[in-house]
Amino acid sequence: MKNYGQQLLVLASLCLGLQGTALAAKDDAKKAPASATASVSAKAELMDINSASKKELATLPKIGDARSDAIIKGRPYRGKDELLSRKILTEDVYNGIKDMIIAKQKTADKK
């Protein structure tokens, strides 16, 4: 009888452990779409270096008034990496903002 009680206790513990694992997996599944949405949202909020104002550019890390002026003076950019190739920013500064910026191209108006 004592052995049966121990087996029952072990079985109950296993069931509770499996239930907890299933609940944790269910919570992770709910979180995945939210992080995917956050990623899409973050991409939608990239700052366009071809149209951002001096004040907007200055909000980027290590970009103050002087660097904002230099970015604006160098417009237009075909790609954000031109900030490096044209020596407008140092590699350190560029690496700090490259995931926050984009260089959008103007589209021709169709008449």
PDB file of N, CA and C in Angstrom:
ATOM      1  N   MET A   1       0.828  -1.184   0.000  1.00  0.00           N
ATOM      2  CA  MET A   1       0.000   0.000   0.000  1.00  0.00           C
ATOM      3  C   MET A   1       0.873   1.248   0.000  1.00  0.00           C
ATOM      4  N   LYS A   2       1.956   1.198   0.760  1.00  0.00           N
ATOM      5  CA  LYS A   2       2.838   2.337   0.824  1.00  0.00           C
ATOM      6  C   LYS A   2       3.451   2.626  -0.548  1.00  0.00           C
ATOM      7  N   ASN A   3       3.798   1.606  -1.284  1.00  0.00           N
ATOM      8  CA  ASN A   3       4.374   1.733  -2.615  1.00  0.00           C
ATOM      9  C   ASN A   3       3.355   2.362  -3.580  1.00  0.00           C
ATOM     10  N   TYR A   4       2.091   2.002  -3.455  1.00  0.00           N
ATOM     11  CA  TYR A   4       1.031   2.557  -4.297  1.00  0.00           C
ATOM     12  C   TYR A   4       0.889   4.062  -4.060  1.00  0.00           C
ATOM     13  N   GLY A   5       0.981   4.495  -2.832  1.00  0.00           N
ATOM     14  CA  GLY A   5       0.880   5.915  -2.487  1.00  0.00           C
ATOM     15  C   GLY A   5       2.033   6.714  -3.074  1.00  0.00           C
ATOM     16  N   GLN A   6       3.215   6.141  -3.034  1.00  0.00           N
ATOM     17  CA  GLN A   6       4.375   6.830  -3.606  1.00  0.00           C
ATOM     18  C   GLN A   6       4.236   6.931  -5.121  1.00  0.00           C
ATOM     19  N   GLN A   7       3.762   5.875  -5.753  1.00  0.00           N
ATOM     20  CA  GLN A   7       3.571   5.885  -7.196  1.00  0.00           C
ATOM     21  C   GLN A   7       2.527   6.941  -7.593  1.00  0.00           C
ATOM     22  N   LEU A   8       1.475   7.033  -6.808  1.00  0.00           N
ATOM     23  CA  LEU A   8       0.432   8.011  -7.078  1.00  0.00           C
ATOM     24  C   LEU A   8       0.982   9.437  -6.944  1.00  0.00           C
ATOM     25  N   LEU A   9       1.814   9.648  -5.935  1.00  0.00           N
ATOM     26  CA  LEU A   9       2.420  10.960  -5.727  1.00  0.00           C
ATOM     27  C   LEU A   9       3.337  11.331  -6.896  1.00  0.00           C
ATOM     28  N   VAL A  10       4.141  10.379  -7.354  1.00  0.00           N
ATOM     29  CA  VAL A  10       5.034  10.612  -8.488  1.00  0.00           C
ATOM     30  C   VAL A  10       4.219  10.903  -9.743  1.00  0.00           C
ATOM     31  N   LEU A  11       3.161  10.150  -9.966  1.00  0.00           N
ATOM     32  CA  LEU A  11       2.305  10.349 -11.130  1.00  0.00           C
ATOM     33  C   LEU A  11       1.642  11.725 -11.093  1.00  0.00           C
ATOM     34  N   ALA A  12       1.163  12.129  -9.926  1.00  0.00           N
ATOM     35  CA  ALA A  12       0.532  13.445  -9.788  1.00  0.00           C
ATOM     36  C   ALA A  12       1.558  14.554 -10.051  1.00  0.00           C
ATOM     37  N   SER A  13       2.765  14.372  -9.557  1.00  0.00           N
ATOM     38  CA  SER A  13       3.824  15.365  -9.788  1.00  0.00           C
ATOM     39  C   SER A  13       4.154  15.485 -11.271  1.00  0.00           C
ATOM     40  N   LEU A  14       4.231  14.362 -11.950  1.00  0.00           N
ATOM     41  CA  LEU A  14       4.505  14.371 -13.385  1.00  0.00           C
ATOM     42  C   LEU A  14       3.399  15.090 -14.155  1.00  0.00           C
ATOM     43  N   CYS A  15       2.165  14.812 -13.792  1.00  0.00           N
ATOM     44  CA  CYS A  15       1.032  15.456 -14.466  1.00  0.00           C
ATOM     45  C   CYS A  15       1.070  16.967 -14.275  1.00  0.00           C
ATOM     46  N   LEU A  16       1.358  17.404 -13.059  1.00  0.00           N
ATOM     47  CA  LEU A  16       1.430  18.844 -12.797  1.00  0.00           C
ATOM     48  C   LEU A  16       2.590  19.478 -13.571  1.00  0.00           C
ATOM     49  N   GLY A  17       3.695  18.777 -13.650  1.00  0.00           N
ATOM     50  CA  GLY A  17       4.847  19.289 -14.393  1.00  0.00           C
ATOM     51  C   GLY A  17       4.555  19.416 -15.876  1.00  0.00           C
ATOM     52  N   LEU A  18       3.893  18.413 -16.435  1.00  0.00           N
ATOM     53  CA  LEU A  18       3.531  18.462 -17.848  1.00  0.00           C
ATOM     54  C   LEU A  18       2.525  19.566 -18.115  1.00  0.00           C
ATOM     55  N   GLN A  19       1.588  19.763 -17.199  1.00  0.00           N
ATOM     56  CA  GLN A  19       0.593  20.812 -17.360  1.00  0.00           C
ATOM     57  C   GLN A  19       1.272  22.186 -17.349  1.00  0.00           C
ATOM     58  N   GLY A  20       2.231  22.371 -16.464  1.00  0.00           N
ATOM     59  CA  GLY A  20       2.964  23.635 -16.405  1.00  0.00           C
ATOM     60  C   GLY A  20       3.746  23.885 -17.685  1.00  0.00           C
ATOM     61  N   THR A  21       4.345  22.830 -18.242  1.00  0.00           N
ATOM     62  CA  THR A  21       5.090  22.955 -19.495  1.00  0.00           C
ATOM     63  C   THR A  21       4.157  23.328 -20.633  1.00  0.00           C
ATOM     64  N   ALA A  22       2.982  22.712 -20.664  1.00  0.00           N
ATOM     65  CA  ALA A  22       2.011  23.020 -21.715  1.00  0.00           C
ATOM     66  C   ALA A  22       1.531  24.463 -21.605  1.00  0.00           C
ATOM     67  N   LEU A  23       1.305  24.933 -20.396  1.00  0.00           N
ATOM     68  CA  LEU A  23       0.866  26.322 -20.205  1.00  0.00           C
ATOM     69  C   LEU A  23       1.952  27.300 -20.618  1.00  0.00           C
ATOM     70  N   ALA A  24       3.200  26.985 -20.304  1.00  0.00           N
ATOM     71  CA  ALA A  24       4.309  27.860 -20.679  1.00  0.00           C
ATOM     72  C   ALA A  24       4.443  27.922 -22.198  1.00  0.00           C
ATOM     73  N   ALA A  25       4.275  26.779 -22.866  1.00  0.00           N
ATOM     74  CA  ALA A  25       4.352  26.757 -24.322  1.00  0.00           C
ATOM     75  C   ALA A  25       3.215  27.566 -24.937  1.00  0.00           C
ATOM     76  N   LYS A  26       2.044  27.489 -24.327  1.00  0.00           N
ATOM     77  CA  LYS A  26       0.893  28.251 -24.811  1.00  0.00           C
ATOM     78  C   LYS A  26       1.156  29.748 -24.662  1.00  0.00           C
ATOM     79  N   ASP A  27       1.754  30.171 -23.537  1.00  0.00           N
ATOM     80  CA  ASP A  27       2.093  31.575 -23.330  1.00  0.00           C
ATOM     81  C   ASP A  27       3.114  32.047 -24.353  1.00  0.00           C
ATOM     82  N   ASP A  28       4.124  31.210 -24.654  1.00  0.00           N
ATOM     83  CA  ASP A  28       5.137  31.568 -25.645  1.00  0.00           C
ATOM     84  C   ASP A  28       4.511  31.735 -27.021  1.00  0.00           C
ATOM     85  N   ALA A  29       3.550  30.897 -27.356  1.00  0.00           N
ATOM     86  CA  ALA A  29       2.880  30.995 -28.652  1.00  0.00           C
ATOM     87  C   ALA A  29       2.105  32.302 -28.759  1.00  0.00           C
ATOM     88  N   LYS A  30       1.527  32.754 -27.653  1.00  0.00           N
ATOM     89  CA  LYS A  30       0.795  34.025 -27.665  1.00  0.00           C
ATOM     90  C   LYS A  30       1.739  35.202 -27.828  1.00  0.00           C
ATOM     91  N   LYS A  31       2.959  35.098 -27.286  1.00  0.00           N
ATOM     92  CA  LYS A  31       3.918  36.193 -27.341  1.00  0.00           C
ATOM     93  C   LYS A  31       4.541  36.339 -28.721  1.00  0.00           C
ATOM     94  N   ALA A  32       4.678  35.292 -29.480  1.00  0.00           N
ATOM     95  CA  ALA A  32       5.348  35.339 -30.775  1.00  0.00           C
ATOM     96  C   ALA A  32       4.724  36.344 -31.727  1.00  0.00           C
ATOM     97  N   PRO A  33       3.406  36.342 -31.935  1.00  0.00           N
ATOM     98  CA  PRO A  33       2.848  37.323 -32.853  1.00  0.00           C
ATOM     99  C   PRO A  33       3.088  38.758 -32.395  1.00  0.00           C
ATOM    100  N   ALA A  34       3.094  39.001 -31.114  1.00  0.00           N
ATOM    101  CA  ALA A  34       3.320  40.350 -30.613  1.00  0.00           C
ATOM    102  C   ALA A  34       4.720  40.825 -30.963  1.00  0.00           C
ATOM    103  N   SER A  35       5.722  39.956 -30.829  1.00  0.00           N
ATOM    104  CA  SER A  35       7.079  40.369 -31.158  1.00  0.00           C
ATOM    105  C   SER A  35       7.227  40.553 -32.660  1.00  0.00           C
ATOM    106  N   ALA A  36       6.532  39.761 -33.449  1.00  0.00           N
ATOM    107  CA  ALA A  36       6.565  39.942 -34.894  1.00  0.00           C
ATOM    108  C   ALA A  36       5.928  41.271 -35.265  1.00  0.00           C
ATOM    109  N   THR A  37       4.856  41.626 -34.588  1.00  0.00           N
ATOM    110  CA  THR A  37       4.204  42.905 -34.824  1.00  0.00           C
ATOM    111  C   THR A  37       5.114  44.044 -34.416  1.00  0.00           C
ATOM    112  N   ALA A  38       5.815  43.898 -33.310  1.00  0.00           N
ATOM    113  CA  ALA A  38       6.736  44.931 -32.852  1.00  0.00           C
ATOM    114  C   ALA A  38       7.850  45.135 -33.866  1.00  0.00           C
ATOM    115  N   SER A  39       8.320  44.053 -34.471  1.00  0.00           N
ATOM    116  CA  SER A  39       9.378  44.155 -35.476  1.00  0.00           C
ATOM    117  C   SER A  39       8.888  44.920 -36.698  1.00  0.00           C
ATOM    118  N   VAL A  40       7.690  44.624 -37.150  1.00  0.00           N
ATOM    119  CA  VAL A  40       7.109  45.333 -38.286  1.00  0.00           C
ATOM    120  C   VAL A  40       6.903  46.792 -37.934  1.00  0.00           C
ATOM    121  N   SER A  41       6.427  47.051 -36.724  1.00  0.00           N
ATOM    122  CA  SER A  41       6.197  48.421 -36.265  1.00  0.00           C
ATOM    123  C   SER A  41       7.507  49.187 -36.202  1.00  0.00           C
ATOM    124  N   ALA A  42       8.562  48.545 -35.733  1.00  0.00           N
ATOM    125  CA  ALA A  42       9.858  49.215 -35.641  1.00  0.00           C
ATOM    126  C   ALA A  42      10.370  49.581 -37.029  1.00  0.00           C
ATOM    127  N   LYS A  43      10.191  48.702 -38.015  1.00  0.00           N
ATOM    128  CA  LYS A  43      10.632  48.994 -39.368  1.00  0.00           C
ATOM    129  C   LYS A  43       9.839  50.154 -39.955  1.00  0.00           C
ATOM    130  N   ALA A  44       8.577  50.256 -39.605  1.00  0.00           N
ATOM    131  CA  ALA A  44       7.742  51.333 -40.121  1.00  0.00           C
ATOM    132  C   ALA A  44       8.171  52.677 -39.541  1.00  0.00           C
ATOM    133  N   GLU A  45       8.865  52.682 -38.428  1.00  0.00           N
ATOM    134  CA  GLU A  45       9.259  53.913 -37.757  1.00  0.00           C
ATOM    135  C   GLU A  45      10.716  54.293 -38.010  1.00  0.00           C
ATOM    136  N   LEU A  46      11.337  53.735 -39.026  1.00  0.00           N
ATOM    137  CA  LEU A  46      12.708  54.101 -39.342  1.00  0.00           C
ATOM    138  C   LEU A  46      12.753  55.555 -39.802  1.00  0.00           C
ATOM    139  N   MET A  47      13.790  56.273 -39.389  1.00  0.00           N
ATOM    140  CA  MET A  47      13.922  57.672 -39.767  1.00  0.00           C
ATOM    141  C   MET A  47      14.568  57.765 -41.147  1.00  0.00           C
ATOM    142  N   ASP A  48      13.930  58.495 -42.038  1.00  0.00           N
ATOM    143  CA  ASP A  48      14.430  58.680 -43.391  1.00  0.00           C
ATOM    144  C   ASP A  48      15.457  59.810 -43.391  1.00  0.00           C
ATOM    145  N   ILE A  49      16.702  59.471 -43.672  1.00  0.00           N
ATOM    146  CA  ILE A  49      17.758  60.484 -43.642  1.00  0.00           C
ATOM    147  C   ILE A  49      17.642  61.465 -44.816  1.00  0.00           C
ATOM    148  N   ASN A  50      16.845  61.144 -45.806  1.00  0.00           N
ATOM    149  CA  ASN A  50      16.643  62.049 -46.931  1.00  0.00           C
ATOM    150  C   ASN A  50      15.565  63.096 -46.671  1.00  0.00           C
ATOM    151  N   SER A  51      14.759  62.913 -45.630  1.00  0.00           N
ATOM    152  CA  SER A  51      13.682  63.878 -45.394  1.00  0.00           C
ATOM    153  C   SER A  51      13.557  64.334 -43.939  1.00  0.00           C
ATOM    154  N   ALA A  52      14.256  63.722 -43.033  1.00  0.00           N
ATOM    155  CA  ALA A  52      14.144  64.088 -41.618  1.00  0.00           C
ATOM    156  C   ALA A  52      14.674  65.500 -41.379  1.00  0.00           C
ATOM    157  N   SER A  53      14.039  66.174 -40.449  1.00  0.00           N
ATOM    158  CA  SER A  53      14.472  67.523 -40.090  1.00  0.00           C
ATOM    159  C   SER A  53      15.738  67.453 -39.234  1.00  0.00           C
ATOM    160  N   LYS A  54      16.380  68.610 -39.093  1.00  0.00           N
ATOM    161  CA  LYS A  54      17.573  68.705 -38.249  1.00  0.00           C
ATOM    162  C   LYS A  54      17.249  68.267 -36.827  1.00  0.00           C
ATOM    163  N   LYS A  55      16.106  68.692 -36.335  1.00  0.00           N
ATOM    164  CA  LYS A  55      15.680  68.354 -34.971  1.00  0.00           C
ATOM    165  C   LYS A  55      15.458  66.843 -34.834  1.00  0.00           C
ATOM    166  N   GLU A  56      14.843  66.230 -35.842  1.00  0.00           N
ATOM    167  CA  GLU A  56      14.609  64.778 -35.803  1.00  0.00           C
ATOM    168  C   GLU A  56      15.930  64.022 -35.843  1.00  0.00           C
ATOM    169  N   LEU A  57      16.832  64.421 -36.725  1.00  0.00           N
ATOM    170  CA  LEU A  57      18.133  63.751 -36.822  1.00  0.00           C
ATOM    171  C   LEU A  57      18.906  63.852 -35.520  1.00  0.00           C
ATOM    172  N   ALA A  58      18.801  64.999 -34.861  1.00  0.00           N
ATOM    173  CA  ALA A  58      19.538  65.225 -33.614  1.00  0.00           C
ATOM    174  C   ALA A  58      19.068  64.312 -32.481  1.00  0.00           C
ATOM    175  N   THR A  59      17.911  63.672 -32.621  1.00  0.00           N
ATOM    176  CA  THR A  59      17.426  62.752 -31.589  1.00  0.00           C
ATOM    177  C   THR A  59      18.119  61.394 -31.657  1.00  0.00           C
ATOM    178  N   LEU A  60      18.810  61.122 -32.751  1.00  0.00           N
ATOM    179  CA  LEU A  60      19.530  59.853 -32.885  1.00  0.00           C
ATOM    180  C   LEU A  60      20.763  59.863 -31.987  1.00  0.00           C
ATOM    181  N   PRO A  61      21.166  58.691 -31.475  1.00  0.00           N
ATOM    182  CA  PRO A  61      22.345  58.626 -30.605  1.00  0.00           C
ATOM    183  C   PRO A  61      23.600  59.177 -31.285  1.00  0.00           C
ATOM    184  N   LYS A  62      24.327  60.011 -30.572  1.00  0.00           N
ATOM    185  CA  LYS A  62      25.594  60.597 -31.011  1.00  0.00           C
ATOM    186  C   LYS A  62      25.452  61.516 -32.230  1.00  0.00           C
ATOM    187  N   ILE A  63      24.240  61.933 -32.543  1.00  0.00           N
ATOM    188  CA  ILE A  63      24.011  62.872 -33.645  1.00  0.00           C
ATOM    189  C   ILE A  63      23.508  64.169 -33.030  1.00  0.00           C
ATOM    190  N   GLY A  64      24.305  65.179 -33.114  1.00  0.00           N
ATOM    191  CA  GLY A  64      23.909  66.495 -32.593  1.00  0.00           C
ATOM    192  C   GLY A  64      23.643  67.443 -33.745  1.00  0.00           C
ATOM    193  N   ASP A  65      23.738  68.725 -33.462  1.00  0.00           N
ATOM    194  CA  ASP A  65      23.476  69.732 -34.489  1.00  0.00           C
ATOM    195  C   ASP A  65      24.470  69.664 -35.647  1.00  0.00           C
ATOM    196  N   ALA A  66      25.754  69.529 -35.347  1.00  0.00           N
ATOM    197  CA  ALA A  66      26.773  69.525 -36.399  1.00  0.00           C
ATOM    198  C   ALA A  66      26.609  68.326 -37.336  1.00  0.00           C
ATOM    199  N   ARG A  67      26.389  67.152 -36.776  1.00  0.00           N
ATOM    200  CA  ARG A  67      26.207  65.956 -37.617  1.00  0.00           C
ATOM    201  C   ARG A  67      24.882  66.010 -38.360  1.00  0.00           C
ATOM    202  N   SER A  68      23.863  66.567 -37.741  1.00  0.00           N
ATOM    203  CA  SER A  68      22.577  66.731 -38.432  1.00  0.00           C
ATOM    204  C   SER A  68      22.762  67.625 -39.651  1.00  0.00           C
ATOM    205  N   ASP A  69      23.490  68.729 -39.473  1.00  0.00           N
ATOM    206  CA  ASP A  69      23.761  69.638 -40.592  1.00  0.00           C
ATOM    207  C   ASP A  69      24.524  68.928 -41.705  1.00  0.00           C
ATOM    208  N   ALA A  70      25.512  68.118 -41.323  1.00  0.00           N
ATOM    209  CA  ALA A  70      26.307  67.387 -42.318  1.00  0.00           C
ATOM    210  C   ALA A  70      25.452  66.378 -43.083  1.00  0.00           C
ATOM    211  N   ILE A  71      24.564  65.702 -42.390  1.00  0.00           N
ATOM    212  CA  ILE A  71      23.670  64.735 -43.043  1.00  0.00           C
ATOM    213  C   ILE A  71      22.769  65.457 -44.037  1.00  0.00           C
ATOM    214  N   ILE A  72      22.199  66.568 -43.614  1.00  0.00           N
ATOM    215  CA  ILE A  72      21.301  67.329 -44.486  1.00  0.00           C
ATOM    216  C   ILE A  72      22.053  67.878 -45.690  1.00  0.00           C
ATOM    217  N   LYS A  73      23.250  68.378 -45.487  1.00  0.00           N
ATOM    218  CA  LYS A  73      24.058  68.944 -46.569  1.00  0.00           C
ATOM    219  C   LYS A  73      24.407  67.888 -47.623  1.00  0.00           C
ATOM    220  N   GLY A  74      24.570  66.640 -47.209  1.00  0.00           N
ATOM    221  CA  GLY A  74      24.957  65.563 -48.130  1.00  0.00           C
ATOM    222  C   GLY A  74      23.814  64.924 -48.896  1.00  0.00           C
ATOM    223  N   ARG A  75      22.592  65.369 -48.697  1.00  0.00           N
ATOM    224  CA  ARG A  75      21.438  64.771 -49.376  1.00  0.00           C
ATOM    225  C   ARG A  75      21.485  65.004 -50.874  1.00  0.00           C
ATOM    226  N   PRO A  76      20.870  64.125 -51.640  1.00  0.00           N
ATOM    227  CA  PRO A  76      20.180  62.895 -51.273  1.00  0.00           C
ATOM    228  C   PRO A  76      21.146  61.714 -51.180  1.00  0.00           C
ATOM    229  N   TYR A  77      20.713  60.685 -50.474  1.00  0.00           N
ATOM    230  CA  TYR A  77      21.469  59.448 -50.309  1.00  0.00           C
ATOM    231  C   TYR A  77      20.738  58.317 -51.019  1.00  0.00           C
ATOM    232  N   ARG A  78      21.492  57.506 -51.745  1.00  0.00           N
ATOM    233  CA  ARG A  78      20.894  56.325 -52.388  1.00  0.00           C
ATOM    234  C   ARG A  78      20.741  55.183 -51.394  1.00  0.00           C
ATOM    235  N   GLY A  79      21.586  55.175 -50.396  1.00  0.00           N
ATOM    236  CA  GLY A  79      21.534  54.168 -49.337  1.00  0.00           C
ATOM    237  C   GLY A  79      22.120  54.758 -48.073  1.00  0.00           C
ATOM    238  N   LYS A  80      21.683  54.238 -46.948  1.00  0.00           N
ATOM    239  CA  LYS A  80      22.156  54.789 -45.676  1.00  0.00           C
ATOM    240  C   LYS A  80      23.649  54.586 -45.475  1.00  0.00           C
ATOM    241  N   ASP A  81      24.219  53.575 -46.143  1.00  0.00           N
ATOM    242  CA  ASP A  81      25.655  53.320 -46.007  1.00  0.00           C
ATOM    243  C   ASP A  81      26.511  54.427 -46.629  1.00  0.00           C
ATOM    244  N   GLU A  82      25.895  55.306 -47.416  1.00  0.00           N
ATOM    245  CA  GLU A  82      26.635  56.439 -47.969  1.00  0.00           C
ATOM    246  C   GLU A  82      27.077  57.410 -46.871  1.00  0.00           C
ATOM    247  N   LEU A  83      26.443  57.336 -45.712  1.00  0.00           N
ATOM    248  CA  LEU A  83      26.902  58.157 -44.587  1.00  0.00           C
ATOM    249  C   LEU A  83      28.337  57.787 -44.224  1.00  0.00           C
ATOM    250  N   LEU A  84      28.698  56.530 -44.444  1.00  0.00           N
ATOM    251  CA  LEU A  84      30.066  56.064 -44.204  1.00  0.00           C
ATOM    252  C   LEU A  84      30.965  56.350 -45.399  1.00  0.00           C
ATOM    253  N   SER A  85      30.528  55.945 -46.584  1.00  0.00           N
ATOM    254  CA  SER A  85      31.393  56.074 -47.758  1.00  0.00           C
ATOM    255  C   SER A  85      31.702  57.530 -48.086  1.00  0.00           C
ATOM    256  N   ARG A  86      30.803  58.440 -47.757  1.00  0.00           N
ATOM    257  CA  ARG A  86      31.056  59.868 -47.978  1.00  0.00           C
ATOM    258  C   ARG A  86      31.730  60.523 -46.767  1.00  0.00           C
ATOM    259  N   LYS A  87      32.028  59.720 -45.769  1.00  0.00           N
ATOM    260  CA  LYS A  87      32.705  60.165 -44.540  1.00  0.00           C
ATOM    261  C   LYS A  87      31.934  61.260 -43.799  1.00  0.00           C
ATOM    262  N   ILE A  88      30.617  61.114 -43.801  1.00  0.00           N
ATOM    263  CA  ILE A  88      29.767  62.047 -43.058  1.00  0.00           C
ATOM    264  C   ILE A  88      29.713  61.624 -41.593  1.00  0.00           C
ATOM    265  N   LEU A  89      29.738  60.312 -41.355  1.00  0.00           N
ATOM    266  CA  LEU A  89      29.752  59.766 -39.999  1.00  0.00           C
ATOM    267  C   LEU A  89      30.919  58.798 -39.860  1.00  0.00           C
ATOM    268  N   THR A  90      31.403  58.664 -38.639  1.00  0.00           N
ATOM    269  CA  THR A  90      32.414  57.641 -38.361  1.00  0.00           C
ATOM    270  C   THR A  90      31.715  56.285 -38.276  1.00  0.00           C
ATOM    271  N   GLU A  91      32.486  55.234 -38.382  1.00  0.00           N
ATOM    272  CA  GLU A  91      31.920  53.891 -38.334  1.00  0.00           C
ATOM    273  C   GLU A  91      31.224  53.629 -37.000  1.00  0.00           C
ATOM    274  N   ASP A  92      31.803  54.109 -35.917  1.00  0.00           N
ATOM    275  CA  ASP A  92      31.227  53.929 -34.584  1.00  0.00           C
ATOM    276  C   ASP A  92      29.837  54.577 -34.494  1.00  0.00           C
ATOM    277  N   VAL A  93      29.749  55.809 -34.960  1.00  0.00           N
ATOM    278  CA  VAL A  93      28.458  56.521 -34.909  1.00  0.00           C
ATOM    279  C   VAL A  93      27.457  55.843 -35.833  1.00  0.00           C
ATOM    280  N   TYR A  94      27.882  55.498 -37.046  1.00  0.00           N
ATOM    281  CA  TYR A  94      26.992  54.831 -38.010  1.00  0.00           C
ATOM    282  C   TYR A  94      26.460  53.521 -37.446  1.00  0.00           C
ATOM    283  N   ASN A  95      27.341  52.720 -36.844  1.00  0.00           N
ATOM    284  CA  ASN A  95      26.903  51.436 -36.285  1.00  0.00           C
ATOM    285  C   ASN A  95      25.873  51.628 -35.176  1.00  0.00           C
ATOM    286  N   GLY A  96      25.925  52.746 -34.489  1.00  0.00           N
ATOM    287  CA  GLY A  96      24.964  53.021 -33.427  1.00  0.00           C
ATOM    288  C   GLY A  96      23.583  53.412 -33.928  1.00  0.00           C
ATOM    289  N   ILE A  97      23.477  53.866 -35.189  1.00  0.00           N
ATOM    290  CA  ILE A  97      22.177  54.326 -35.694  1.00  0.00           C
ATOM    291  C   ILE A  97      21.667  53.567 -36.921  1.00  0.00           C
ATOM    292  N   LYS A  98      22.484  52.706 -37.508  1.00  0.00           N
ATOM    293  CA  LYS A  98      22.119  52.083 -38.779  1.00  0.00           C
ATOM    294  C   LYS A  98      20.807  51.306 -38.737  1.00  0.00           C
ATOM    295  N   ASP A  99      20.431  50.782 -37.580  1.00  0.00           N
ATOM    296  CA  ASP A  99      19.176  50.041 -37.472  1.00  0.00           C
ATOM    297  C   ASP A  99      17.982  50.953 -37.208  1.00  0.00           C
ATOM    298  N   MET A 100      18.229  52.253 -37.117  1.00  0.00           N
ATOM    299  CA  MET A 100      17.171  53.225 -36.837  1.00  0.00           C
ATOM    300  C   MET A 100      16.857  54.114 -38.033  1.00  0.00           C
ATOM    301  N   ILE A 101      17.644  53.975 -39.101  1.00  0.00           N
ATOM    302  CA  ILE A 101      17.498  54.887 -40.236  1.00  0.00           C
ATOM    303  C   ILE A 101      17.271  54.143 -41.544  1.00  0.00           C
ATOM    304  N   ILE A 102      16.831  54.896 -42.530  1.00  0.00           N
ATOM    305  CA  ILE A 102      16.626  54.394 -43.879  1.00  0.00           C
ATOM    306  C   ILE A 102      16.849  55.563 -44.829  1.00  0.00           C
ATOM    307  N   ALA A 103      17.189  55.259 -46.067  1.00  0.00           N
ATOM    308  CA  ALA A 103      17.327  56.309 -47.086  1.00  0.00           C
ATOM    309  C   ALA A 103      16.296  56.025 -48.171  1.00  0.00           C
ATOM    310  N   LYS A 104      15.123  56.595 -48.008  1.00  0.00           N
ATOM    311  CA  LYS A 104      14.051  56.398 -48.996  1.00  0.00           C
ATOM    312  C   LYS A 104      14.351  57.203 -50.241  1.00  0.00           C
ATOM    313  N   GLN A 105      13.915  56.660 -51.357  1.00  0.00           N
ATOM    314  CA  GLN A 105      14.111  57.324 -52.645  1.00  0.00           C
ATOM    315  C   GLN A 105      12.822  58.026 -53.052  1.00  0.00           C
ATOM    316  N   LYS A 106      12.966  59.162 -53.698  1.00  0.00           N
ATOM    317  CA  LYS A 106      11.802  59.850 -54.223  1.00  0.00           C
ATOM    318  C   LYS A 106      11.276  59.075 -55.418  1.00  0.00           C
ATOM    319  N   THR A 107       9.969  58.991 -55.505  1.00  0.00           N
ATOM    320  CA  THR A 107       9.367  58.317 -56.652  1.00  0.00           C
ATOM    321  C   THR A 107       8.855  59.374 -57.612  1.00  0.00           C
ATOM    322  N   ALA A 108       8.965  59.075 -58.894  1.00  0.00           N
ATOM    323  CA  ALA A 108       8.492  60.020 -59.906  1.00  0.00           C
ATOM    324  C   ALA A 108       6.975  60.048 -59.892  1.00  0.00           C
ATOM    325  N   ASP A 109       6.425  61.241 -59.967  1.00  0.00           N
ATOM    326  CA  ASP A 109       4.963  61.374 -60.005  1.00  0.00           C
ATOM    327  C   ASP A 109       4.467  60.945 -61.371  1.00  0.00           C
ATOM    328  N   LYS A 110       3.441  60.103 -61.361  1.00  0.00           N
ATOM    329  CA  LYS A 110       2.839  59.655 -62.617  1.00  0.00           C
ATOM    330  C   LYS A 110       1.695  60.564 -62.965  1.00  0.00           C
ATOM    331  N   LYS A 111       1.675  61.038 -64.181  1.00  0.00           N
ATOM    332  CA  LYS A 111       0.589  61.948 -64.614  1.00  0.00           C
ATOM    333  C   LYS A 111      -0.352  61.277 -65.553  1.00  0.00           C
TER     334      LYS A 111
END
